[in-house]
């Protein structure tokens, strides 16, 4: 089975969206950063991938064999939309691989378990149908290669032992980096994973610096600042915004009982306009939380009432209609489906 982690894409945090760019931590198909690292560079890495999957096992065999697409989205995708910006082509009509294309693949694959892999592949093919040739065929080929890569990296990680020293952990990370270029052409691998791999290198360097007992505190801070400066600008910006959000969360906790002081902090940190929008959003979040808690208590009462299946579902739908507006009902139903 392809190894995937299902993000809660149906619960975007509007508050964070105003003031923070999500820090792109390693995805589910990547090795963990080592606990310790050495100054010694690891030997050249050859990916220890399993041989290409047999035709019956290869997920790529599903591409081009799509069946009917279910009308209703999986519950975890209800109320969400496909990530934009992935349908890029050049002047000749050839596909331009982008990180957005990988995000589109993962958007649908995140629902694996709610729907079968063939169903999700069919959904991706349906999305790709907006492309003209030759981009459409190129995107389908990329999808097949990406699915086979996901299976291969899952097989690779399954063969790892438990504990590992720093050099072994770094080797595992490099193996996965190389494996990407085994299954995907270099341009696609770079487009899909460049930011992830920059983060990998930063994390390794960060751990090397923090574990280096020969450095003074001042030298360590300077080295960490330099390591961050070496990141691509979008990632540096993301880290700055993440720190701002962390500072804001601390201020919210410390000033929870002093709304005036918290609003003054917002205005100083983000400006008057953003501060006002944040205050409104927090009020909406608090209001949702209160109504969700009340709904949850009433739902538990209904669940314990002994109502039969259809009657219970009718009662739950009536309760959602009483507590929430149309958009909120989609969110509530999706949350109910994963309890």
C-alpha atoms as a PDB file:
ATOM      1  CA  UNK A   1       0.000   0.000   0.000  1.00  0.00           C
ATOM      2  CA  UNK A   2       1.222   3.480  -0.763  1.00  0.00           C
ATOM      3  CA  UNK A   3       2.252   5.218   2.409  1.00  0.00           C
ATOM      4  CA  UNK A   4       0.265   8.386   2.876  1.00  0.00           C
ATOM      5  CA  UNK A   5      -0.604  10.632   5.764  1.00  0.00           C
ATOM      6  CA  UNK A   6      -4.069  12.158   5.523  1.00  0.00           C
ATOM      7  CA  UNK A   7      -4.011  15.877   6.279  1.00  0.00           C
ATOM      8  CA  UNK A   8      -7.131  17.485   7.704  1.00  0.00           C
ATOM      9  CA  UNK A   9      -7.554  19.620   4.627  1.00  0.00           C
ATOM     10  CA  UNK A  10     -11.153  20.372   5.492  1.00  0.00           C
ATOM     11  CA  UNK A  11     -10.122  22.309   8.626  1.00  0.00           C
ATOM     12  CA  UNK A  12      -8.031  25.274   7.421  1.00  0.00           C
ATOM     13  CA  UNK A  13      -7.095  27.613  10.231  1.00  0.00           C
ATOM     14  CA  UNK A  14      -8.229  30.972   8.942  1.00  0.00           C
ATOM     15  CA  UNK A  15      -6.367  32.784  11.667  1.00  0.00           C
ATOM     16  CA  UNK A  16      -3.048  31.263  10.688  1.00  0.00           C
ATOM     17  CA  UNK A  17      -3.751  31.936   7.059  1.00  0.00           C
ATOM     18  CA  UNK A  18      -3.725  35.678   7.679  1.00  0.00           C
ATOM     19  CA  UNK A  19      -0.331  35.857   9.297  1.00  0.00           C
ATOM     20  CA  UNK A  20       1.668  32.693   8.605  1.00  0.00           C
ATOM     21  CA  UNK A  21       2.942  30.727   5.641  1.00  0.00           C
ATOM     22  CA  UNK A  22       2.923  27.051   6.537  1.00  0.00           C
ATOM     23  CA  UNK A  23       6.427  25.781   7.198  1.00  0.00           C
ATOM     24  CA  UNK A  24       6.916  22.888   4.770  1.00  0.00           C
ATOM     25  CA  UNK A  25       8.067  20.071   7.015  1.00  0.00           C
ATOM     26  CA  UNK A  26       9.106  16.766   5.461  1.00  0.00           C
ATOM     27  CA  UNK A  27       6.222  14.803   3.923  1.00  0.00           C
ATOM     28  CA  UNK A  28       5.142  11.235   4.640  1.00  0.00           C
ATOM     29  CA  UNK A  29       7.449   9.783   1.989  1.00  0.00           C
ATOM     30  CA  UNK A  30      10.651  11.211   3.358  1.00  0.00           C
ATOM     31  CA  UNK A  31      13.226  10.030   5.874  1.00  0.00           C
ATOM     32  CA  UNK A  32      13.441  11.631   9.273  1.00  0.00           C
ATOM     33  CA  UNK A  33      16.225  14.046   9.999  1.00  0.00           C
ATOM     34  CA  UNK A  34      19.024  12.406  12.014  1.00  0.00           C
ATOM     35  CA  UNK A  35      19.243  12.932  15.759  1.00  0.00           C
ATOM     36  CA  UNK A  36      22.948  13.677  15.411  1.00  0.00           C
ATOM     37  CA  UNK A  37      25.180  14.379  12.474  1.00  0.00           C
ATOM     38  CA  UNK A  38      28.901  14.298  11.900  1.00  0.00           C
ATOM     39  CA  UNK A  39      31.128  16.603   9.923  1.00  0.00           C
ATOM     40  CA  UNK A  40      32.059  13.697   7.695  1.00  0.00           C
ATOM     41  CA  UNK A  41      30.243  13.640   4.369  1.00  0.00           C
ATOM     42  CA  UNK A  42      28.478  10.343   3.726  1.00  0.00           C
ATOM     43  CA  UNK A  43      29.774   8.066   0.976  1.00  0.00           C
ATOM     44  CA  UNK A  44      28.087   8.355  -2.428  1.00  0.00           C
ATOM     45  CA  UNK A  45      24.588   6.923  -2.277  1.00  0.00           C
ATOM     46  CA  UNK A  46      23.042   4.440  -4.632  1.00  0.00           C
ATOM     47  CA  UNK A  47      19.297   4.119  -4.117  1.00  0.00           C
ATOM     48  CA  UNK A  48      18.480   0.689  -2.770  1.00  0.00           C
ATOM     49  CA  UNK A  49      15.117   0.545  -4.437  1.00  0.00           C
ATOM     50  CA  UNK A  50      13.281  -2.655  -5.091  1.00  0.00           C
ATOM     51  CA  UNK A  51      13.103  -3.684  -8.733  1.00  0.00           C
ATOM     52  CA  UNK A  52      10.289  -2.087 -10.736  1.00  0.00           C
ATOM     53  CA  UNK A  53       6.920  -3.413  -9.581  1.00  0.00           C
ATOM     54  CA  UNK A  54       5.355  -6.128 -11.648  1.00  0.00           C
ATOM     55  CA  UNK A  55       2.597  -4.991 -13.991  1.00  0.00           C
ATOM     56  CA  UNK A  56      -0.044  -6.341 -11.653  1.00  0.00           C
ATOM     57  CA  UNK A  57       1.460  -4.569  -8.641  1.00  0.00           C
ATOM     58  CA  UNK A  58       2.570  -1.241 -10.183  1.00  0.00           C
ATOM     59  CA  UNK A  59       0.161   1.572  -9.336  1.00  0.00           C
ATOM     60  CA  UNK A  60       1.017   3.131 -12.708  1.00  0.00           C
ATOM     61  CA  UNK A  61      -0.948   0.303 -14.331  1.00  0.00           C
ATOM     62  CA  UNK A  62      -4.097   2.011 -13.017  1.00  0.00           C
ATOM     63  CA  UNK A  63      -3.448   5.138 -15.090  1.00  0.00           C
ATOM     64  CA  UNK A  64      -5.498   5.078 -18.239  1.00  0.00           C
ATOM     65  CA  UNK A  65      -7.833   2.421 -16.827  1.00  0.00           C
ATOM     66  CA  UNK A  66     -10.059   4.855 -14.977  1.00  0.00           C
ATOM     67  CA  UNK A  67     -13.619   3.883 -14.255  1.00  0.00           C
ATOM     68  CA  UNK A  68     -16.503   6.063 -13.202  1.00  0.00           C
ATOM     69  CA  UNK A  69     -15.762   8.849 -10.737  1.00  0.00           C
ATOM     70  CA  UNK A  70     -18.043   8.830  -7.666  1.00  0.00           C
ATOM     71  CA  UNK A  71     -20.284  11.884  -7.543  1.00  0.00           C
ATOM     72  CA  UNK A  72     -19.693  12.632  -3.861  1.00  0.00           C
ATOM     73  CA  UNK A  73     -16.258  13.633  -2.644  1.00  0.00           C
ATOM     74  CA  UNK A  74     -14.689  11.672   0.223  1.00  0.00           C
ATOM     75  CA  UNK A  75     -15.695  13.171   3.576  1.00  0.00           C
ATOM     76  CA  UNK A  76     -12.211  14.526   4.277  1.00  0.00           C
ATOM     77  CA  UNK A  77     -12.326  16.568   1.057  1.00  0.00           C
ATOM     78  CA  UNK A  78     -15.861  17.894   1.533  1.00  0.00           C
ATOM     79  CA  UNK A  79     -15.976  21.676   1.413  1.00  0.00           C
ATOM     80  CA  UNK A  80     -12.473  21.953  -0.064  1.00  0.00           C
ATOM     81  CA  UNK A  81     -11.217  22.653  -3.573  1.00  0.00           C
ATOM     82  CA  UNK A  82      -8.403  21.288  -5.716  1.00  0.00           C
ATOM     83  CA  UNK A  83      -5.153  23.217  -5.168  1.00  0.00           C
ATOM     84  CA  UNK A  84      -4.763  25.755  -7.989  1.00  0.00           C
ATOM     85  CA  UNK A  85      -1.890  26.580 -10.304  1.00  0.00           C
ATOM     86  CA  UNK A  86      -0.899  23.088 -11.451  1.00  0.00           C
ATOM     87  CA  UNK A  87      -2.026  23.236 -15.107  1.00  0.00           C
ATOM     88  CA  UNK A  88       1.119  24.855 -16.527  1.00  0.00           C
ATOM     89  CA  UNK A  89       2.281  24.359 -20.120  1.00  0.00           C
ATOM     90  CA  UNK A  90       4.973  26.016 -22.234  1.00  0.00           C
ATOM     91  CA  UNK A  91       4.645  27.679 -25.629  1.00  0.00           C
ATOM     92  CA  UNK A  92       4.762  24.283 -27.356  1.00  0.00           C
ATOM     93  CA  UNK A  93       1.980  22.826 -25.215  1.00  0.00           C
ATOM     94  CA  UNK A  94       4.333  20.644 -23.169  1.00  0.00           C
ATOM     95  CA  UNK A  95       3.645  20.123 -19.472  1.00  0.00           C
ATOM     96  CA  UNK A  96       5.663  22.211 -17.019  1.00  0.00           C
ATOM     97  CA  UNK A  97       6.118  20.124 -13.839  1.00  0.00           C
ATOM     98  CA  UNK A  98       5.529  22.174 -10.702  1.00  0.00           C
ATOM     99  CA  UNK A  99       5.186  21.640  -6.987  1.00  0.00           C
ATOM    100  CA  UNK A 100       1.513  22.575  -7.462  1.00  0.00           C
ATOM    101  CA  UNK A 101       1.053  19.506  -9.694  1.00  0.00           C
ATOM    102  CA  UNK A 102       2.390  17.248  -6.942  1.00  0.00           C
ATOM    103  CA  UNK A 103       0.104  19.015  -4.447  1.00  0.00           C
ATOM    104  CA  UNK A 104      -2.845  18.271  -6.697  1.00  0.00           C
ATOM    105  CA  UNK A 105      -1.893  14.578  -6.799  1.00  0.00           C
ATOM    106  CA  UNK A 106      -1.544  14.504  -3.010  1.00  0.00           C
ATOM    107  CA  UNK A 107      -4.824  16.352  -2.503  1.00  0.00           C
ATOM    108  CA  UNK A 108      -6.706  13.390  -3.926  1.00  0.00           C
ATOM    109  CA  UNK A 109      -4.343  10.672  -2.628  1.00  0.00           C
ATOM    110  CA  UNK A 110      -4.842  11.988   0.919  1.00  0.00           C
ATOM    111  CA  UNK A 111      -8.285  10.337   0.816  1.00  0.00           C
ATOM    112  CA  UNK A 112      -6.818   6.847   0.335  1.00  0.00           C
ATOM    113  CA  UNK A 113      -8.756   4.560   2.654  1.00  0.00           C
ATOM    114  CA  UNK A 114     -11.976   6.472   2.204  1.00  0.00           C
ATOM    115  CA  UNK A 115     -11.825   5.534  -1.471  1.00  0.00           C
ATOM    116  CA  UNK A 116      -9.768   2.940  -3.300  1.00  0.00           C
ATOM    117  CA  UNK A 117      -6.624   3.853  -5.200  1.00  0.00           C
ATOM    118  CA  UNK A 118      -8.306   3.209  -8.599  1.00  0.00           C
ATOM    119  CA  UNK A 119     -11.099   5.632  -7.648  1.00  0.00           C
ATOM    120  CA  UNK A 120      -8.616   8.310  -6.605  1.00  0.00           C
ATOM    121  CA  UNK A 121      -6.567   7.819  -9.766  1.00  0.00           C
ATOM    122  CA  UNK A 122      -9.802   8.277 -11.727  1.00  0.00           C
ATOM    123  CA  UNK A 123     -10.401  11.560  -9.899  1.00  0.00           C
ATOM    124  CA  UNK A 124      -6.892  12.777 -10.763  1.00  0.00           C
ATOM    125  CA  UNK A 125      -7.380  11.774 -14.401  1.00  0.00           C
ATOM    126  CA  UNK A 126     -10.626  13.715 -14.445  1.00  0.00           C
ATOM    127  CA  UNK A 127      -8.772  16.796 -13.172  1.00  0.00           C
ATOM    128  CA  UNK A 128      -6.033  16.317 -15.793  1.00  0.00           C
ATOM    129  CA  UNK A 129      -8.602  16.150 -18.576  1.00  0.00           C
ATOM    130  CA  UNK A 130      -8.613  19.964 -18.747  1.00  0.00           C
ATOM    131  CA  UNK A 131      -5.142  19.822 -20.327  1.00  0.00           C
ATOM    132  CA  UNK A 132      -4.644  19.726 -24.091  1.00  0.00           C
ATOM    133  CA  UNK A 133      -2.253  17.311 -25.750  1.00  0.00           C
ATOM    134  CA  UNK A 134       0.641  16.724 -25.429  1.00  0.00           C
ATOM    135  CA  UNK A 135       0.490  18.058 -21.855  1.00  0.00           C
ATOM    136  CA  UNK A 136      -2.325  15.710 -20.844  1.00  0.00           C
ATOM    137  CA  UNK A 137      -0.436  12.552 -21.851  1.00  0.00           C
ATOM    138  CA  UNK A 138       2.719  13.895 -20.206  1.00  0.00           C
ATOM    139  CA  UNK A 139       0.792  14.561 -16.986  1.00  0.00           C
ATOM    140  CA  UNK A 140      -0.632  11.031 -17.012  1.00  0.00           C
ATOM    141  CA  UNK A 141       2.877   9.623 -17.475  1.00  0.00           C
ATOM    142  CA  UNK A 142       4.081  11.773 -14.576  1.00  0.00           C
ATOM    143  CA  UNK A 143       1.201  10.542 -12.420  1.00  0.00           C
ATOM    144  CA  UNK A 144       2.088   6.906 -13.132  1.00  0.00           C
ATOM    145  CA  UNK A 145       5.753   7.488 -12.323  1.00  0.00           C
ATOM    146  CA  UNK A 146       4.835   9.340  -9.120  1.00  0.00           C
ATOM    147  CA  UNK A 147       2.569   6.515  -7.961  1.00  0.00           C
ATOM    148  CA  UNK A 148       5.304   3.951  -8.617  1.00  0.00           C
ATOM    149  CA  UNK A 149       7.764   6.167  -6.739  1.00  0.00           C
ATOM    150  CA  UNK A 150       5.409   6.281  -3.751  1.00  0.00           C
ATOM    151  CA  UNK A 151       5.262   2.498  -3.674  1.00  0.00           C
ATOM    152  CA  UNK A 152       9.031   2.156  -4.108  1.00  0.00           C
ATOM    153  CA  UNK A 153       9.840   4.566  -1.285  1.00  0.00           C
ATOM    154  CA  UNK A 154       7.365   2.766   0.971  1.00  0.00           C
ATOM    155  CA  UNK A 155       9.116  -0.535   0.209  1.00  0.00           C
ATOM    156  CA  UNK A 156      12.499   1.095   0.840  1.00  0.00           C
ATOM    157  CA  UNK A 157      11.477   2.478   4.219  1.00  0.00           C
ATOM    158  CA  UNK A 158       9.935  -0.849   5.213  1.00  0.00           C
ATOM    159  CA  UNK A 159      13.396  -2.392   4.923  1.00  0.00           C
ATOM    160  CA  UNK A 160      15.006   0.021   7.363  1.00  0.00           C
ATOM    161  CA  UNK A 161      15.796  -1.192  10.839  1.00  0.00           C
ATOM    162  CA  UNK A 162      14.799   0.586  14.015  1.00  0.00           C
ATOM    163  CA  UNK A 163      17.484   2.684  15.676  1.00  0.00           C
ATOM    164  CA  UNK A 164      20.229   4.096  13.469  1.00  0.00           C
ATOM    165  CA  UNK A 165      23.272   6.288  14.023  1.00  0.00           C
ATOM    166  CA  UNK A 166      23.604   9.731  12.505  1.00  0.00           C
ATOM    167  CA  UNK A 167      25.462   8.635   9.402  1.00  0.00           C
ATOM    168  CA  UNK A 168      22.900   5.902   8.681  1.00  0.00           C
ATOM    169  CA  UNK A 169      20.004   8.325   9.091  1.00  0.00           C
ATOM    170  CA  UNK A 170      21.655  10.751   6.719  1.00  0.00           C
ATOM    171  CA  UNK A 171      22.246   7.934   4.246  1.00  0.00           C
ATOM    172  CA  UNK A 172      18.557   7.003   4.367  1.00  0.00           C
ATOM    173  CA  UNK A 173      17.609  10.560   3.538  1.00  0.00           C
ATOM    174  CA  UNK A 174      20.017  10.628   0.616  1.00  0.00           C
ATOM    175  CA  UNK A 175      18.699   7.289  -0.627  1.00  0.00           C
ATOM    176  CA  UNK A 176      15.202   8.711  -0.830  1.00  0.00           C
ATOM    177  CA  UNK A 177      16.486  11.805  -2.626  1.00  0.00           C
ATOM    178  CA  UNK A 178      18.182   9.563  -5.174  1.00  0.00           C
ATOM    179  CA  UNK A 179      15.148   7.307  -5.460  1.00  0.00           C
ATOM    180  CA  UNK A 180      13.078  10.263  -6.614  1.00  0.00           C
ATOM    181  CA  UNK A 181      15.415  10.695  -9.577  1.00  0.00           C
ATOM    182  CA  UNK A 182      15.199   6.998 -10.363  1.00  0.00           C
ATOM    183  CA  UNK A 183      11.459   7.123 -10.962  1.00  0.00           C
ATOM    184  CA  UNK A 184      11.033  10.738 -12.063  1.00  0.00           C
ATOM    185  CA  UNK A 185      13.016  12.701 -14.626  1.00  0.00           C
ATOM    186  CA  UNK A 186      15.365  15.278 -13.125  1.00  0.00           C
ATOM    187  CA  UNK A 187      13.197  18.307 -14.004  1.00  0.00           C
ATOM    188  CA  UNK A 188      10.118  16.759 -12.387  1.00  0.00           C
ATOM    189  CA  UNK A 189      12.021  15.578  -9.309  1.00  0.00           C
ATOM    190  CA  UNK A 190      13.457  19.066  -8.868  1.00  0.00           C
ATOM    191  CA  UNK A 191      10.071  20.738  -9.288  1.00  0.00           C
ATOM    192  CA  UNK A 192       8.301  18.320  -6.950  1.00  0.00           C
ATOM    193  CA  UNK A 193      10.885  18.083  -4.174  1.00  0.00           C
ATOM    194  CA  UNK A 194      13.317  21.039  -4.310  1.00  0.00           C
ATOM    195  CA  UNK A 195      11.817  22.760  -1.277  1.00  0.00           C
ATOM    196  CA  UNK A 196      11.556  19.506   0.677  1.00  0.00           C
ATOM    197  CA  UNK A 197      15.185  18.699   0.020  1.00  0.00           C
ATOM    198  CA  UNK A 198      16.325  22.198   0.937  1.00  0.00           C
ATOM    199  CA  UNK A 199      14.578  21.676   4.267  1.00  0.00           C
ATOM    200  CA  UNK A 200      16.299  18.303   4.671  1.00  0.00           C
ATOM    201  CA  UNK A 201      19.710  19.897   4.178  1.00  0.00           C
ATOM    202  CA  UNK A 202      18.848  22.715   6.576  1.00  0.00           C
ATOM    203  CA  UNK A 203      17.715  20.293   9.270  1.00  0.00           C
ATOM    204  CA  UNK A 204      20.906  18.265   8.964  1.00  0.00           C
ATOM    205  CA  UNK A 205      23.041  21.378   9.193  1.00  0.00           C
ATOM    206  CA  UNK A 206      20.978  22.707  12.095  1.00  0.00           C
ATOM    207  CA  UNK A 207      21.458  19.495  14.046  1.00  0.00           C
ATOM    208  CA  UNK A 208      25.179  19.458  13.271  1.00  0.00           C
ATOM    209  CA  UNK A 209      25.495  22.991  14.628  1.00  0.00           C
ATOM    210  CA  UNK A 210      23.383  22.488  17.766  1.00  0.00           C
ATOM    211  CA  UNK A 211      25.266  19.275  18.671  1.00  0.00           C
ATOM    212  CA  UNK A 212      28.721  20.812  18.130  1.00  0.00           C
ATOM    213  CA  UNK A 213      30.078  21.321  21.649  1.00  0.00           C
ATOM    214  CA  UNK A 214      33.125  23.206  20.326  1.00  0.00           C
ATOM    215  CA  UNK A 215      30.999  26.236  19.440  1.00  0.00           C
ATOM    216  CA  UNK A 216      30.263  29.077  21.831  1.00  0.00           C
ATOM    217  CA  UNK A 217      26.643  30.244  22.135  1.00  0.00           C
ATOM    218  CA  UNK A 218      27.469  33.258  19.986  1.00  0.00           C
ATOM    219  CA  UNK A 219      29.142  31.116  17.316  1.00  0.00           C
ATOM    220  CA  UNK A 220      26.227  28.685  17.363  1.00  0.00           C
ATOM    221  CA  UNK A 221      23.678  31.472  16.859  1.00  0.00           C
ATOM    222  CA  UNK A 222      25.738  32.931  14.011  1.00  0.00           C
ATOM    223  CA  UNK A 223      26.042  29.516  12.342  1.00  0.00           C
ATOM    224  CA  UNK A 224      22.307  28.865  12.665  1.00  0.00           C
ATOM    225  CA  UNK A 225      21.562  32.281  11.189  1.00  0.00           C
ATOM    226  CA  UNK A 226      23.850  31.517   8.254  1.00  0.00           C
ATOM    227  CA  UNK A 227      22.232  28.120   7.704  1.00  0.00           C
ATOM    228  CA  UNK A 228      18.828  29.780   7.562  1.00  0.00           C
ATOM    229  CA  UNK A 229      20.165  32.485   5.225  1.00  0.00           C
ATOM    230  CA  UNK A 230      21.198  29.722   2.814  1.00  0.00           C
ATOM    231  CA  UNK A 231      17.586  28.557   2.448  1.00  0.00           C
ATOM    232  CA  UNK A 232      15.603  29.656  -0.619  1.00  0.00           C
ATOM    233  CA  UNK A 233      13.774  32.937  -0.022  1.00  0.00           C
ATOM    234  CA  UNK A 234      10.254  31.389   0.149  1.00  0.00           C
ATOM    235  CA  UNK A 235      11.414  29.111   2.966  1.00  0.00           C
ATOM    236  CA  UNK A 236      13.182  31.920   4.800  1.00  0.00           C
ATOM    237  CA  UNK A 237       9.980  33.953   4.579  1.00  0.00           C
ATOM    238  CA  UNK A 238       7.953  30.982   5.806  1.00  0.00           C
ATOM    239  CA  UNK A 239      10.189  30.582   8.842  1.00  0.00           C
ATOM    240  CA  UNK A 240       9.889  34.283   9.666  1.00  0.00           C
ATOM    241  CA  UNK A 241       6.109  34.126   9.423  1.00  0.00           C
ATOM    242  CA  UNK A 242       6.011  30.950  11.496  1.00  0.00           C
ATOM    243  CA  UNK A 243       7.983  32.669  14.248  1.00  0.00           C
ATOM    244  CA  UNK A 244       5.560  35.599  14.136  1.00  0.00           C
ATOM    245  CA  UNK A 245       2.648  33.234  14.505  1.00  0.00           C
ATOM    246  CA  UNK A 246       4.360  31.429  17.417  1.00  0.00           C
ATOM    247  CA  UNK A 247       4.918  34.787  19.121  1.00  0.00           C
ATOM    248  CA  UNK A 248       1.269  35.648  18.572  1.00  0.00           C
ATOM    249  CA  UNK A 249       0.077  32.375  20.061  1.00  0.00           C
ATOM    250  CA  UNK A 250       2.165  33.049  23.168  1.00  0.00           C
ATOM    251  CA  UNK A 251       0.709  36.565  23.408  1.00  0.00           C
ATOM    252  CA  UNK A 252      -2.823  35.189  23.085  1.00  0.00           C
ATOM    253  CA  UNK A 253      -2.220  32.873  26.032  1.00  0.00           C
ATOM    254  CA  UNK A 254      -0.493  35.469  28.203  1.00  0.00           C
ATOM    255  CA  UNK A 255      -3.050  38.211  27.488  1.00  0.00           C
ATOM    256  CA  UNK A 256      -6.170  36.035  27.300  1.00  0.00           C
ATOM    257  CA  UNK A 257      -7.758  37.910  30.208  1.00  0.00           C
ATOM    258  CA  UNK A 258      -6.841  41.376  28.913  1.00  0.00           C
ATOM    259  CA  UNK A 259      -8.520  41.944  25.503  1.00  0.00           C
ATOM    260  CA  UNK A 260      -7.344  45.556  25.286  1.00  0.00           C
ATOM    261  CA  UNK A 261      -3.715  44.604  25.813  1.00  0.00           C
ATOM    262  CA  UNK A 262      -4.000  41.776  23.282  1.00  0.00           C
ATOM    263  CA  UNK A 263      -5.471  44.123  20.680  1.00  0.00           C
ATOM    264  CA  UNK A 264      -2.648  46.588  21.308  1.00  0.00           C
ATOM    265  CA  UNK A 265      -0.149  43.753  20.810  1.00  0.00           C
ATOM    266  CA  UNK A 266      -1.852  42.814  17.529  1.00  0.00           C
ATOM    267  CA  UNK A 267      -1.734  46.386  16.265  1.00  0.00           C
ATOM    268  CA  UNK A 268       1.937  46.771  17.118  1.00  0.00           C
ATOM    269  CA  UNK A 269       2.884  43.438  15.527  1.00  0.00           C
ATOM    270  CA  UNK A 270       0.666  43.422  12.435  1.00  0.00           C
ATOM    271  CA  UNK A 271      -0.779  46.898  11.917  1.00  0.00           C
ATOM    272  CA  UNK A 272      -4.261  48.215  12.613  1.00  0.00           C
ATOM    273  CA  UNK A 273      -6.059  46.639   9.626  1.00  0.00           C
ATOM    274  CA  UNK A 274      -4.728  43.102  10.152  1.00  0.00           C
ATOM    275  CA  UNK A 275      -5.209  43.411  13.906  1.00  0.00           C
ATOM    276  CA  UNK A 276      -8.885  44.207  13.392  1.00  0.00           C
ATOM    277  CA  UNK A 277      -9.354  41.248  11.049  1.00  0.00           C
ATOM    278  CA  UNK A 278      -7.605  38.966  13.527  1.00  0.00           C
ATOM    279  CA  UNK A 279      -9.920  40.088  16.313  1.00  0.00           C
ATOM    280  CA  UNK A 280     -12.974  39.329  14.161  1.00  0.00           C
ATOM    281  CA  UNK A 281     -11.639  35.919  13.159  1.00  0.00           C
ATOM    282  CA  UNK A 282     -10.848  34.988  16.740  1.00  0.00           C
ATOM    283  CA  UNK A 283     -14.396  35.877  17.723  1.00  0.00           C
ATOM    284  CA  UNK A 284     -15.712  33.659  14.923  1.00  0.00           C
ATOM    285  CA  UNK A 285     -13.421  30.832  16.026  1.00  0.00           C
ATOM    286  CA  UNK A 286     -14.595  31.147  19.625  1.00  0.00           C
ATOM    287  CA  UNK A 287     -18.221  31.206  18.509  1.00  0.00           C
ATOM    288  CA  UNK A 288     -17.719  28.071  16.400  1.00  0.00           C
ATOM    289  CA  UNK A 289     -16.010  26.299  19.305  1.00  0.00           C
ATOM    290  CA  UNK A 290     -18.924  27.024  21.651  1.00  0.00           C
ATOM    291  CA  UNK A 291     -21.537  25.853  19.165  1.00  0.00           C
ATOM    292  CA  UNK A 292     -19.498  22.775  18.241  1.00  0.00           C
ATOM    293  CA  UNK A 293     -19.219  21.760  21.893  1.00  0.00           C
ATOM    294  CA  UNK A 294     -22.954  22.200  22.409  1.00  0.00           C
ATOM    295  CA  UNK A 295     -23.675  20.231  19.240  1.00  0.00           C
ATOM    296  CA  UNK A 296     -21.299  17.460  20.296  1.00  0.00           C
ATOM    297  CA  UNK A 297     -23.077  17.043  23.622  1.00  0.00           C
ATOM    298  CA  UNK A 298     -26.465  16.816  21.925  1.00  0.00           C
ATOM    299  CA  UNK A 299     -25.055  14.437  19.333  1.00  0.00           C
ATOM    300  CA  UNK A 300     -23.768  12.112  22.059  1.00  0.00           C
ATOM    301  CA  UNK A 301     -27.256  12.071  23.570  1.00  0.00           C
ATOM    302  CA  UNK A 302     -28.750  11.104  20.204  1.00  0.00           C
ATOM    303  CA  UNK A 303     -26.117   8.423  19.628  1.00  0.00           C
ATOM    304  CA  UNK A 304     -27.044   6.851  22.972  1.00  0.00           C
ATOM    305  CA  UNK A 305     -30.783   7.114  22.396  1.00  0.00           C
ATOM    306  CA  UNK A 306     -31.166   3.776  20.622  1.00  0.00           C
ATOM    307  CA  UNK A 307     -32.559   5.238  17.411  1.00  0.00           C
ATOM    308  CA  UNK A 308     -32.335   3.029  14.327  1.00  0.00           C
ATOM    309  CA  UNK A 309     -29.935   3.911  11.519  1.00  0.00           C
ATOM    310  CA  UNK A 310     -32.188   6.000   9.233  1.00  0.00           C
ATOM    311  CA  UNK A 311     -33.942   7.650  12.171  1.00  0.00           C
ATOM    312  CA  UNK A 312     -30.625   8.469  13.799  1.00  0.00           C
ATOM    313  CA  UNK A 313     -29.240  10.020  10.625  1.00  0.00           C
ATOM    314  CA  UNK A 314     -32.388  12.108  10.201  1.00  0.00           C
ATOM    315  CA  UNK A 315     -32.138  13.332  13.798  1.00  0.00           C
ATOM    316  CA  UNK A 316     -28.442  14.198  13.365  1.00  0.00           C
ATOM    317  CA  UNK A 317     -29.162  16.089  10.155  1.00  0.00           C
ATOM    318  CA  UNK A 318     -31.916  18.037  11.914  1.00  0.00           C
ATOM    319  CA  UNK A 319     -29.532  18.879  14.744  1.00  0.00           C
ATOM    320  CA  UNK A 320     -26.842  20.107  12.332  1.00  0.00           C
ATOM    321  CA  UNK A 321     -29.415  22.247  10.549  1.00  0.00           C
ATOM    322  CA  UNK A 322     -30.391  23.844  13.858  1.00  0.00           C
ATOM    323  CA  UNK A 323     -26.822  24.558  14.984  1.00  0.00           C
ATOM    324  CA  UNK A 324     -24.967  25.525  11.793  1.00  0.00           C
ATOM    325  CA  UNK A 325     -25.280  27.393   8.530  1.00  0.00           C
ATOM    326  CA  UNK A 326     -24.873  25.625   5.183  1.00  0.00           C
ATOM    327  CA  UNK A 327     -21.075  25.857   4.983  1.00  0.00           C
ATOM    328  CA  UNK A 328     -20.646  24.919   8.631  1.00  0.00           C
ATOM    329  CA  UNK A 329     -22.873  21.864   8.159  1.00  0.00           C
ATOM    330  CA  UNK A 330     -20.413  20.517   5.575  1.00  0.00           C
ATOM    331  CA  UNK A 331     -17.596  20.966   8.074  1.00  0.00           C
ATOM    332  CA  UNK A 332     -19.600  19.389  10.917  1.00  0.00           C
ATOM    333  CA  UNK A 333     -20.587  16.386   8.810  1.00  0.00           C
ATOM    334  CA  UNK A 334     -16.974  15.847   7.749  1.00  0.00           C
ATOM    335  CA  UNK A 335     -15.847  16.001  11.381  1.00  0.00           C
ATOM    336  CA  UNK A 336     -18.590  13.562  12.388  1.00  0.00           C
ATOM    337  CA  UNK A 337     -17.437  11.101   9.705  1.00  0.00           C
ATOM    338  CA  UNK A 338     -13.968  10.717  11.283  1.00  0.00           C
ATOM    339  CA  UNK A 339     -15.022  10.368  14.918  1.00  0.00           C
END
